[in-house]
């Protein structure tokens, strides 16, 4: 499975780069602090729905595209950690299945 880039890298290279915006200037446009934006751009913070909406309003990039990028990034990260997460599969017992079966209407 290929590793998708963190959305911060995309935002830095494909949005802010062509506009020649510094992190400080972009943070001002977005109405967020410089450290908040810097953490996102450096892959140290996840993209929130609110930040995605701010980016859409300011720069015209669709928030659903950005959030899909974040989801893809998260999925790969979790798949890489899957072996370290211990959860036993749920198995329905026969007697539980019998009790929860819907009742049939009585024939008159």
Protein backbone atom coordinates (compact mmCIF):
# COMPACT_ATOMS: atom_id res chain seq x y z
CA UNK A 1 0.00 0.00 0.00
CA UNK A 2 1.47 3.34 -0.98
CA UNK A 3 1.85 6.02 1.62
CA UNK A 4 -0.30 9.04 0.76
CA UNK A 5 1.19 12.39 1.71
CA UNK A 6 -0.02 14.32 4.72
CA UNK A 7 -2.42 17.04 3.49
CA UNK A 8 -0.11 19.68 4.97
CA UNK A 9 2.50 18.93 2.32
CA UNK A 10 -0.11 19.37 -0.43
CA UNK A 11 -1.32 22.64 1.07
CA UNK A 12 2.24 23.96 1.29
CA UNK A 13 3.32 23.00 -2.25
CA UNK A 14 0.09 23.25 -4.25
CA UNK A 15 -1.74 26.12 -2.59
CA UNK A 16 0.60 28.39 -0.68
CA UNK A 17 3.66 27.87 -2.89
CA UNK A 18 2.15 29.07 -6.18
CA UNK A 19 0.65 32.07 -4.37
CA UNK A 20 4.05 32.84 -2.82
CA UNK A 21 2.44 33.15 0.60
CA UNK A 22 4.51 32.84 3.73
CA UNK A 23 3.17 30.81 6.63
CA UNK A 24 2.60 34.04 8.55
CA UNK A 25 0.66 35.66 5.71
CA UNK A 26 -1.41 32.53 5.07
CA UNK A 27 -2.22 32.20 8.78
CA UNK A 28 -3.44 35.79 8.77
CA UNK A 29 -5.66 35.12 5.71
CA UNK A 30 -7.07 31.98 7.36
CA UNK A 31 -7.63 33.65 10.73
CA UNK A 32 -5.48 31.16 12.65
CA UNK A 33 -2.22 31.43 14.55
CA UNK A 34 1.08 30.90 12.79
CA UNK A 35 2.01 27.91 15.01
CA UNK A 36 -1.34 26.24 14.23
CA UNK A 37 -0.81 26.50 10.48
CA UNK A 38 2.87 25.60 10.73
CA UNK A 39 2.04 22.39 12.63
CA UNK A 40 -0.39 21.38 9.89
CA UNK A 41 2.01 22.20 7.05
CA UNK A 42 4.82 20.23 8.73
CA UNK A 43 2.63 17.15 9.24
CA UNK A 44 2.62 17.51 13.02
CA UNK A 45 -1.14 18.16 13.25
CA UNK A 46 -4.10 16.59 11.48
CA UNK A 47 -6.34 18.62 9.20
CA UNK A 48 -9.59 19.48 10.99
CA UNK A 49 -12.93 20.06 9.32
CA UNK A 50 -12.79 23.70 10.36
CA UNK A 51 -9.34 24.23 8.85
CA UNK A 52 -10.45 22.52 5.64
CA UNK A 53 -13.41 24.91 5.44
CA UNK A 54 -11.14 27.91 6.06
CA UNK A 55 -8.86 26.75 3.23
CA UNK A 56 -11.84 26.30 0.92
CA UNK A 57 -13.19 29.77 1.67
CA UNK A 58 -9.80 31.47 1.35
CA UNK A 59 -8.23 29.62 -1.57
CA UNK A 60 -11.03 27.77 -3.36
CA UNK A 61 -9.72 24.25 -2.78
CA UNK A 62 -12.61 21.91 -1.94
CA UNK A 63 -12.72 20.92 1.70
CA UNK A 64 -13.96 17.41 0.86
CA UNK A 65 -10.84 16.85 -1.25
CA UNK A 66 -8.61 17.91 1.63
CA UNK A 67 -10.52 15.80 4.15
CA UNK A 68 -10.31 12.75 1.87
CA UNK A 69 -6.54 13.27 1.78
CA UNK A 70 -6.48 13.33 5.59
CA UNK A 71 -8.65 10.19 5.76
CA UNK A 72 -6.37 8.33 3.32
CA UNK A 73 -3.34 9.35 5.35
CA UNK A 74 -5.01 8.19 8.58
CA UNK A 75 -6.08 4.84 7.10
CA UNK A 76 -2.54 3.97 6.04
CA UNK A 77 -1.18 5.01 9.45
CA UNK A 78 -3.70 2.81 11.25
CA UNK A 79 -3.09 -0.17 8.93
CA UNK A 80 0.60 0.10 9.79
CA UNK A 81 -0.30 -0.06 13.50
CA UNK A 82 -2.95 -2.79 13.17
CA UNK A 83 -0.84 -5.55 14.76
CA UNK A 84 -0.29 -3.48 17.89
CA UNK A 85 -4.03 -2.99 18.48
CA UNK A 86 -5.42 -5.99 20.32
CA UNK A 87 -9.14 -6.61 19.93
CA UNK A 88 -10.85 -9.99 19.87
CA UNK A 89 -13.49 -10.44 17.18
CA UNK A 90 -17.05 -10.53 18.47
CA UNK A 91 -18.68 -13.92 18.08
CA UNK A 92 -22.40 -14.19 18.53
CA UNK A 93 -23.38 -17.18 20.65
CA UNK A 94 -26.13 -19.50 19.42
CA UNK A 95 -28.40 -18.81 22.40
CA UNK A 96 -28.07 -15.03 21.83
CA UNK A 97 -29.03 -15.49 18.20
CA UNK A 98 -32.13 -17.44 19.20
CA UNK A 99 -33.27 -14.78 21.69
CA UNK A 100 -32.85 -11.89 19.30
CA UNK A 101 -34.58 -13.58 16.37
CA UNK A 102 -37.75 -11.72 15.40
CA UNK A 103 -40.98 -13.38 16.49
CA UNK A 104 -43.26 -14.72 13.83
CA UNK A 105 -46.87 -13.63 13.91
CA UNK A 106 -49.29 -16.30 15.14
CA UNK A 107 -51.61 -17.89 12.65
CA UNK A 108 -55.26 -17.55 13.71
